[in-house]
Amino acid sequence: MLEEIYQKYYEKIQRYFQKRVVDEYQAEDLTQDVFIKVFLALPKTQPEDFERWLFTIAKFTLYDFYRRKRFLLIAEEVDTLMQAISAEPQDPLMREEALRKVNQLPGKFRHPLILVIRGYSYQEIAEILDLSVSTVKSRVFQARKQVKSRWLNG
């Protein structure tokens, strides 16, 4: 039975993580963590909606990962950042500078901005960072404003 579950859901869980973490090896590790948790829990529980239960485990595994991880923007995310602040990088040096400026933001602004860039909803970010949704929205707005200001003013 465990082998069937693994075969049926492995790719779905793997894709879930690949969309949410940039490092493919980290996505693989998180996928493995989910299946270990599932296999340990199955003898004790029989969920009514298995797939929903499985993805809930994946979601909380991801939240735990981000709680432990230092948030830094990586080069592959700069285009999404530029869209978020309505700016167009003209050359590779500008892209590098934008990356540096985001990573210099105080954590309370950098963390929510990076999670928005990675595709999380405000509600998910609030849960990950243990903040209210309104605080997340405010901090993302302030982060965009600071990055844009730093971008335009050098």
N, C-alpha and C. Protein backbone atom coordinates (compact mmCIF):
# COMPACT_ATOMS: atom_id res chain seq x y z
N MET A 1 0.81 -1.20 0.00
CA MET A 1 0.00 0.00 0.00
C MET A 1 0.85 1.26 0.00
N LEU A 2 1.92 1.28 0.79
CA LEU A 2 2.79 2.46 0.86
C LEU A 2 3.45 2.74 -0.49
N GLU A 3 3.86 1.70 -1.15
CA GLU A 3 4.47 1.85 -2.47
C GLU A 3 3.48 2.46 -3.47
N GLU A 4 2.23 2.04 -3.41
CA GLU A 4 1.20 2.60 -4.30
C GLU A 4 0.98 4.08 -4.04
N ILE A 5 0.93 4.46 -2.79
CA ILE A 5 0.77 5.88 -2.42
C ILE A 5 1.94 6.68 -2.96
N TYR A 6 3.12 6.17 -2.74
CA TYR A 6 4.33 6.85 -3.21
C TYR A 6 4.29 7.03 -4.72
N GLN A 7 3.98 5.97 -5.44
CA GLN A 7 3.93 6.03 -6.91
C GLN A 7 2.85 6.99 -7.40
N LYS A 8 1.72 6.99 -6.76
CA LYS A 8 0.58 7.80 -7.21
C LYS A 8 0.78 9.29 -6.95
N TYR A 9 1.40 9.65 -5.81
CA TYR A 9 1.44 11.05 -5.40
C TYR A 9 2.81 11.71 -5.47
N TYR A 10 3.83 10.94 -5.70
CA TYR A 10 5.19 11.51 -5.65
C TYR A 10 5.34 12.71 -6.59
N GLU A 11 4.99 12.56 -7.84
CA GLU A 11 5.18 13.65 -8.81
C GLU A 11 4.35 14.88 -8.46
N LYS A 12 3.14 14.69 -7.96
CA LYS A 12 2.29 15.82 -7.58
C LYS A 12 2.94 16.62 -6.45
N ILE A 13 3.43 15.93 -5.45
CA ILE A 13 4.07 16.60 -4.32
C ILE A 13 5.38 17.26 -4.77
N GLN A 14 6.12 16.57 -5.60
CA GLN A 14 7.37 17.11 -6.12
C GLN A 14 7.12 18.42 -6.88
N ARG A 15 6.11 18.45 -7.75
CA ARG A 15 5.77 19.68 -8.49
C ARG A 15 5.33 20.79 -7.55
N TYR A 16 4.57 20.44 -6.53
CA TYR A 16 4.13 21.42 -5.53
C TYR A 16 5.35 22.15 -4.96
N PHE A 17 6.37 21.40 -4.58
CA PHE A 17 7.56 22.02 -4.00
C PHE A 17 8.41 22.73 -5.04
N GLN A 18 8.51 22.18 -6.24
CA GLN A 18 9.32 22.82 -7.27
C GLN A 18 8.79 24.20 -7.63
N LYS A 19 7.49 24.41 -7.51
CA LYS A 19 6.91 25.73 -7.77
C LYS A 19 7.18 26.71 -6.63
N ARG A 20 7.52 26.20 -5.46
CA ARG A 20 7.60 27.04 -4.28
C ARG A 20 9.01 27.22 -3.71
N VAL A 21 9.92 26.37 -4.10
CA VAL A 21 11.33 26.55 -3.71
C VAL A 21 12.14 26.50 -4.99
N VAL A 22 13.18 27.28 -5.03
CA VAL A 22 13.93 27.41 -6.27
C VAL A 22 14.89 26.24 -6.48
N ASP A 23 15.46 25.76 -5.42
CA ASP A 23 16.46 24.71 -5.48
C ASP A 23 15.78 23.35 -5.67
N GLU A 24 16.07 22.69 -6.79
CA GLU A 24 15.43 21.40 -7.08
C GLU A 24 15.80 20.33 -6.05
N TYR A 25 17.01 20.41 -5.49
CA TYR A 25 17.41 19.44 -4.47
C TYR A 25 16.64 19.66 -3.18
N GLN A 26 16.36 20.92 -2.87
CA GLN A 26 15.56 21.22 -1.69
C GLN A 26 14.13 20.71 -1.88
N ALA A 27 13.61 20.87 -3.10
CA ALA A 27 12.27 20.36 -3.41
C ALA A 27 12.24 18.84 -3.22
N GLU A 28 13.28 18.18 -3.63
CA GLU A 28 13.37 16.72 -3.46
C GLU A 28 13.40 16.35 -1.98
N ASP A 29 14.20 17.07 -1.20
CA ASP A 29 14.28 16.80 0.23
C ASP A 29 12.93 17.01 0.91
N LEU A 30 12.23 18.08 0.55
CA LEU A 30 10.92 18.35 1.14
C LEU A 30 9.91 17.27 0.76
N THR A 31 9.98 16.81 -0.47
CA THR A 31 9.09 15.73 -0.92
C THR A 31 9.34 14.48 -0.09
N GLN A 32 10.59 14.16 0.11
CA GLN A 32 10.93 12.99 0.93
C GLN A 32 10.43 13.16 2.36
N ASP A 33 10.58 14.37 2.91
CA ASP A 33 10.09 14.64 4.27
C ASP A 33 8.59 14.38 4.38
N VAL A 34 7.84 14.80 3.37
CA VAL A 34 6.39 14.60 3.39
C VAL A 34 6.07 13.11 3.43
N PHE A 35 6.71 12.33 2.58
CA PHE A 35 6.40 10.90 2.55
C PHE A 35 6.82 10.18 3.82
N ILE A 36 7.89 10.62 4.44
CA ILE A 36 8.27 10.03 5.73
C ILE A 36 7.17 10.32 6.75
N LYS A 37 6.71 11.57 6.80
CA LYS A 37 5.63 11.93 7.74
C LYS A 37 4.36 11.13 7.46
N VAL A 38 4.03 11.00 6.19
CA VAL A 38 2.82 10.26 5.81
C VAL A 38 2.95 8.80 6.24
N PHE A 39 4.06 8.17 5.93
CA PHE A 39 4.23 6.76 6.24
C PHE A 39 4.25 6.50 7.74
N LEU A 40 4.77 7.45 8.52
CA LEU A 40 4.76 7.30 9.97
C LEU A 40 3.37 7.51 10.55
N ALA A 41 2.58 8.37 9.92
CA ALA A 41 1.25 8.69 10.44
C ALA A 41 0.17 7.70 10.01
N LEU A 42 0.34 7.07 8.87
CA LEU A 42 -0.72 6.20 8.34
C LEU A 42 -1.17 5.08 9.27
N PRO A 43 -0.29 4.42 9.99
CA PRO A 43 -0.80 3.37 10.89
C PRO A 43 -1.73 3.90 11.98
N LYS A 44 -1.60 5.20 12.30
CA LYS A 44 -2.39 5.79 13.39
C LYS A 44 -3.64 6.50 12.90
N THR A 45 -3.70 6.83 11.62
CA THR A 45 -4.83 7.62 11.12
C THR A 45 -5.29 7.11 9.76
N GLN A 46 -6.54 7.29 9.48
CA GLN A 46 -7.11 6.96 8.17
C GLN A 46 -7.90 8.18 7.68
N PRO A 47 -7.24 9.10 7.01
CA PRO A 47 -7.93 10.32 6.58
C PRO A 47 -9.06 10.03 5.59
N GLU A 48 -10.14 10.81 5.71
CA GLU A 48 -11.27 10.64 4.78
C GLU A 48 -10.89 11.09 3.37
N ASP A 49 -10.25 12.24 3.28
CA ASP A 49 -9.81 12.76 1.99
C ASP A 49 -8.28 12.70 1.97
N PHE A 50 -7.75 11.59 1.47
CA PHE A 50 -6.31 11.35 1.55
C PHE A 50 -5.50 12.44 0.87
N GLU A 51 -5.90 12.82 -0.34
CA GLU A 51 -5.10 13.80 -1.08
C GLU A 51 -5.08 15.14 -0.36
N ARG A 52 -6.18 15.57 0.18
CA ARG A 52 -6.22 16.83 0.93
C ARG A 52 -5.30 16.74 2.15
N TRP A 53 -5.37 15.63 2.85
CA TRP A 53 -4.52 15.40 4.02
C TRP A 53 -3.04 15.43 3.62
N LEU A 54 -2.72 14.78 2.53
CA LEU A 54 -1.35 14.74 2.03
C LEU A 54 -0.83 16.15 1.71
N PHE A 55 -1.64 16.95 1.01
CA PHE A 55 -1.20 18.30 0.65
C PHE A 55 -1.18 19.23 1.87
N THR A 56 -1.96 18.94 2.87
CA THR A 56 -1.87 19.71 4.12
C THR A 56 -0.52 19.44 4.79
N ILE A 57 -0.11 18.20 4.79
CA ILE A 57 1.21 17.86 5.32
C ILE A 57 2.29 18.57 4.51
N ALA A 58 2.15 18.57 3.19
CA ALA A 58 3.13 19.25 2.33
C ALA A 58 3.17 20.75 2.64
N LYS A 59 2.01 21.35 2.80
CA LYS A 59 1.94 22.79 3.07
C LYS A 59 2.65 23.12 4.38
N PHE A 60 2.39 22.36 5.42
CA PHE A 60 3.02 22.65 6.71
C PHE A 60 4.50 22.30 6.71
N THR A 61 4.90 21.34 5.92
CA THR A 61 6.33 21.04 5.77
C THR A 61 7.02 22.24 5.12
N LEU A 62 6.38 22.83 4.14
CA LEU A 62 6.93 24.01 3.49
C LEU A 62 6.98 25.20 4.44
N TYR A 63 5.94 25.41 5.21
CA TYR A 63 5.93 26.49 6.20
C TYR A 63 7.08 26.33 7.18
N ASP A 64 7.29 25.12 7.66
CA ASP A 64 8.39 24.86 8.59
C ASP A 64 9.73 25.15 7.93
N PHE A 65 9.85 24.76 6.68
CA PHE A 65 11.08 25.02 5.93
C PHE A 65 11.37 26.52 5.88
N TYR A 66 10.37 27.33 5.56
CA TYR A 66 10.58 28.77 5.46
C TYR A 66 10.77 29.43 6.82
N ARG A 67 10.21 28.87 7.85
CA ARG A 67 10.45 29.43 9.19
C ARG A 67 11.92 29.27 9.58
N ARG A 68 12.53 28.18 9.16
CA ARG A 68 13.93 27.91 9.50
C ARG A 68 14.92 28.57 8.55
N LYS A 69 14.48 28.90 7.38
CA LYS A 69 15.37 29.35 6.30
C LYS A 69 15.58 30.86 6.35
N ARG A 70 16.76 31.27 6.00
CA ARG A 70 17.03 32.70 5.83
C ARG A 70 16.50 33.10 4.46
N PHE A 71 15.75 34.17 4.41
CA PHE A 71 15.12 34.60 3.18
C PHE A 71 16.05 35.50 2.39
N LEU A 72 16.46 35.04 1.22
CA LEU A 72 17.24 35.87 0.31
C LEU A 72 16.70 35.67 -1.09
N LEU A 73 16.63 36.76 -1.82
CA LEU A 73 16.23 36.69 -3.21
C LEU A 73 17.39 36.12 -4.01
N ILE A 74 17.09 35.31 -5.01
CA ILE A 74 18.14 34.77 -5.85
C ILE A 74 18.00 35.34 -7.26
N ALA A 75 19.05 35.21 -8.04
CA ALA A 75 19.10 35.84 -9.37
C ALA A 75 17.93 35.45 -10.25
N GLU A 76 17.48 34.21 -10.17
CA GLU A 76 16.38 33.75 -11.03
C GLU A 76 15.06 34.45 -10.73
N GLU A 77 14.98 35.13 -9.58
CA GLU A 77 13.74 35.79 -9.19
C GLU A 77 13.70 37.28 -9.50
N VAL A 78 14.77 37.81 -10.06
CA VAL A 78 14.84 39.26 -10.30
C VAL A 78 13.78 39.74 -11.28
N ASP A 79 13.50 38.98 -12.34
CA ASP A 79 12.47 39.41 -13.29
C ASP A 79 11.11 39.55 -12.62
N THR A 80 10.78 38.62 -11.74
CA THR A 80 9.52 38.71 -11.01
C THR A 80 9.53 39.92 -10.09
N LEU A 81 10.67 40.19 -9.48
CA LEU A 81 10.80 41.38 -8.63
C LEU A 81 10.56 42.64 -9.46
N MET A 82 11.16 42.71 -10.63
CA MET A 82 11.02 43.90 -11.47
C MET A 82 9.55 44.13 -11.85
N GLN A 83 8.84 43.05 -12.10
CA GLN A 83 7.41 43.18 -12.38
C GLN A 83 6.67 43.68 -11.15
N ALA A 84 7.07 43.21 -9.98
CA ALA A 84 6.40 43.58 -8.74
C ALA A 84 6.56 45.06 -8.42
N ILE A 85 7.69 45.64 -8.83
CA ILE A 85 7.90 47.07 -8.55
C ILE A 85 7.76 47.92 -9.81
N SER A 86 7.27 47.33 -10.88
CA SER A 86 7.04 48.04 -12.14
C SER A 86 8.29 48.73 -12.65
N ALA A 87 9.36 47.98 -12.73
CA ALA A 87 10.62 48.51 -13.25
C ALA A 87 11.15 47.54 -14.29
N GLU A 88 11.94 48.06 -15.19
CA GLU A 88 12.54 47.24 -16.24
C GLU A 88 14.06 47.29 -16.13
N PRO A 89 14.68 46.18 -15.76
CA PRO A 89 16.15 46.17 -15.71
C PRO A 89 16.72 46.29 -17.12
N GLN A 90 17.61 47.22 -17.31
CA GLN A 90 18.16 47.46 -18.65
C GLN A 90 19.38 46.60 -18.95
N ASP A 91 20.14 46.24 -17.96
CA ASP A 91 21.34 45.45 -18.19
C ASP A 91 21.62 44.55 -16.99
N PRO A 92 22.55 43.61 -17.16
CA PRO A 92 22.84 42.67 -16.08
C PRO A 92 23.30 43.36 -14.79
N LEU A 93 24.01 44.49 -14.90
CA LEU A 93 24.45 45.19 -13.69
C LEU A 93 23.26 45.73 -12.90
N MET A 94 22.24 46.20 -13.61
CA MET A 94 21.04 46.68 -12.93
C MET A 94 20.32 45.53 -12.23
N ARG A 95 20.29 44.39 -12.87
CA ARG A 95 19.65 43.21 -12.27
C ARG A 95 20.39 42.82 -10.99
N GLU A 96 21.71 42.82 -11.06
CA GLU A 96 22.53 42.48 -9.89
C GLU A 96 22.31 43.49 -8.77
N GLU A 97 22.21 44.75 -9.13
CA GLU A 97 21.98 45.80 -8.14
C GLU A 97 20.60 45.64 -7.48
N ALA A 98 19.58 45.30 -8.26
CA ALA A 98 18.25 45.08 -7.71
C ALA A 98 18.27 43.91 -6.72
N LEU A 99 18.96 42.86 -7.08
CA LEU A 99 19.10 41.70 -6.21
C LEU A 99 19.76 42.10 -4.89
N ARG A 100 20.82 42.86 -4.98
CA ARG A 100 21.55 43.31 -3.78
C ARG A 100 20.66 44.19 -2.90
N LYS A 101 19.91 45.08 -3.53
CA LYS A 101 19.08 46.01 -2.76
C LYS A 101 17.96 45.28 -2.02
N VAL A 102 17.36 44.30 -2.65
CA VAL A 102 16.32 43.53 -1.95
C VAL A 102 16.92 42.78 -0.78
N ASN A 103 18.06 42.17 -0.98
CA ASN A 103 18.66 41.38 0.08
C ASN A 103 19.20 42.23 1.22
N GLN A 104 19.29 43.55 1.02
CA GLN A 104 19.71 44.46 2.08
C GLN A 104 18.52 45.01 2.88
N LEU A 105 17.31 44.76 2.42
CA LEU A 105 16.13 45.22 3.17
C LEU A 105 16.11 44.55 4.55
N PRO A 106 15.56 45.24 5.54
CA PRO A 106 15.37 44.57 6.83
C PRO A 106 14.48 43.34 6.65
N GLY A 107 14.72 42.31 7.42
CA GLY A 107 14.00 41.05 7.29
C GLY A 107 12.49 41.19 7.34
N LYS A 108 12.00 42.10 8.16
CA LYS A 108 10.54 42.22 8.29
C LYS A 108 9.88 42.67 6.99
N PHE A 109 10.65 43.31 6.08
CA PHE A 109 10.13 43.68 4.77
C PHE A 109 10.56 42.69 3.69
N ARG A 110 11.80 42.21 3.80
CA ARG A 110 12.35 41.30 2.80
C ARG A 110 11.59 39.97 2.77
N HIS A 111 11.31 39.39 3.93
CA HIS A 111 10.67 38.08 3.98
C HIS A 111 9.32 38.05 3.27
N PRO A 112 8.38 38.95 3.60
CA PRO A 112 7.09 38.90 2.90
C PRO A 112 7.23 39.19 1.40
N LEU A 113 8.11 40.11 1.02
CA LEU A 113 8.29 40.44 -0.40
C LEU A 113 8.78 39.22 -1.16
N ILE A 114 9.76 38.52 -0.62
CA ILE A 114 10.30 37.35 -1.30
C ILE A 114 9.24 36.26 -1.43
N LEU A 115 8.43 36.09 -0.40
CA LEU A 115 7.38 35.08 -0.49
C LEU A 115 6.32 35.45 -1.53
N VAL A 116 6.01 36.74 -1.66
CA VAL A 116 5.08 37.18 -2.72
C VAL A 116 5.70 36.89 -4.08
N ILE A 117 6.96 37.20 -4.24
CA ILE A 117 7.66 36.94 -5.50
C ILE A 117 7.65 35.45 -5.83
N ARG A 118 7.68 34.62 -4.80
CA ARG A 118 7.66 33.16 -5.00
C ARG A 118 6.25 32.61 -5.17
N GLY A 119 5.26 33.49 -5.20
CA GLY A 119 3.91 33.05 -5.55
C GLY A 119 2.98 32.72 -4.40
N TYR A 120 3.35 33.04 -3.19
CA TYR A 120 2.47 32.77 -2.05
C TYR A 120 1.39 33.83 -1.94
N SER A 121 0.23 33.43 -1.45
CA SER A 121 -0.85 34.38 -1.19
C SER A 121 -0.54 35.11 0.12
N TYR A 122 -1.19 36.24 0.32
CA TYR A 122 -1.02 36.97 1.57
C TYR A 122 -1.40 36.10 2.77
N GLN A 123 -2.45 35.30 2.62
CA GLN A 123 -2.89 34.43 3.71
C GLN A 123 -1.81 33.40 4.05
N GLU A 124 -1.22 32.80 3.03
CA GLU A 124 -0.15 31.82 3.26
C GLU A 124 1.05 32.47 3.93
N ILE A 125 1.40 33.67 3.47
CA ILE A 125 2.54 34.39 4.06
C ILE A 125 2.26 34.71 5.52
N ALA A 126 1.04 35.12 5.80
CA ALA A 126 0.67 35.42 7.19
C ALA A 126 0.85 34.19 8.07
N GLU A 127 0.47 33.02 7.56
CA GLU A 127 0.62 31.79 8.33
C GLU A 127 2.10 31.42 8.50
N ILE A 128 2.88 31.55 7.44
CA ILE A 128 4.30 31.21 7.50
C ILE A 128 5.02 32.10 8.50
N LEU A 129 4.75 33.41 8.44
CA LEU A 129 5.48 34.37 9.27
C LEU A 129 4.79 34.68 10.59
N ASP A 130 3.64 34.07 10.80
CA ASP A 130 2.86 34.29 12.01
C ASP A 130 2.54 35.77 12.21
N LEU A 131 1.94 36.35 11.16
CA LEU A 131 1.52 37.76 11.15
C LEU A 131 0.08 37.82 10.69
N SER A 132 -0.54 38.99 10.86
CA SER A 132 -1.88 39.18 10.30
C SER A 132 -1.75 39.45 8.80
N VAL A 133 -2.81 39.21 8.07
CA VAL A 133 -2.80 39.46 6.62
C VAL A 133 -2.58 40.94 6.35
N SER A 134 -3.19 41.81 7.14
CA SER A 134 -3.02 43.25 6.92
C SER A 134 -1.56 43.68 7.15
N THR A 135 -0.89 43.07 8.12
CA THR A 135 0.52 43.37 8.34
C THR A 135 1.35 42.92 7.16
N VAL A 136 1.05 41.75 6.63
CA VAL A 136 1.77 41.24 5.46
C VAL A 136 1.60 42.19 4.28
N LYS A 137 0.36 42.60 4.01
CA LYS A 137 0.09 43.52 2.90
C LYS A 137 0.86 44.82 3.07
N SER A 138 0.85 45.35 4.28
CA SER A 138 1.55 46.60 4.57
C SER A 138 3.05 46.45 4.35
N ARG A 139 3.61 45.36 4.84
CA ARG A 139 5.06 45.16 4.70
C ARG A 139 5.47 44.92 3.25
N VAL A 140 4.65 44.22 2.49
CA VAL A 140 4.96 44.03 1.07
C VAL A 140 4.91 45.37 0.35
N PHE A 141 3.90 46.17 0.65
CA PHE A 141 3.78 47.50 0.05
C PHE A 141 5.01 48.34 0.38
N GLN A 142 5.41 48.36 1.66
CA GLN A 142 6.57 49.13 2.08
C GLN A 142 7.85 48.60 1.43
N ALA A 143 7.97 47.29 1.32
CA ALA A 143 9.17 46.70 0.70
C ALA A 143 9.27 47.12 -0.77
N ARG A 144 8.15 47.03 -1.49
CA ARG A 144 8.16 47.45 -2.90
C ARG A 144 8.55 48.92 -3.02
N LYS A 145 7.98 49.72 -2.15
CA LYS A 145 8.26 51.16 -2.15
C LYS A 145 9.76 51.42 -1.89
N GLN A 146 10.32 50.73 -0.91
CA GLN A 146 11.73 50.91 -0.59
C GLN A 146 12.64 50.46 -1.73
N VAL A 147 12.32 49.32 -2.32
CA VAL A 147 13.15 48.82 -3.41
C VAL A 147 13.07 49.77 -4.60
N LYS A 148 11.88 50.22 -4.92
CA LYS A 148 11.70 51.14 -6.04
C LYS A 148 12.45 52.44 -5.78
N SER A 149 12.35 52.95 -4.58
CA SER A 149 13.05 54.18 -4.20
C SER A 149 14.56 53.99 -4.32
N ARG A 150 15.05 52.89 -3.80
CA ARG A 150 16.50 52.61 -3.88
C ARG A 150 16.92 52.41 -5.34
N TRP A 151 16.03 51.78 -6.10
CA TRP A 151 16.31 51.52 -7.51
C TRP A 151 16.46 52.84 -8.29
N LEU A 152 15.50 53.73 -8.08
CA LEU A 152 15.47 54.98 -8.82
C LEU A 152 16.49 55.99 -8.32
N ASN A 153 16.82 55.95 -7.01
CA ASN A 153 17.72 56.92 -6.44
C ASN A 153 19.15 56.40 -6.27
N GLY A 154 19.34 55.15 -6.69
CA GLY A 154 20.67 54.57 -6.59
C GLY A 154 21.00 54.32 -5.20
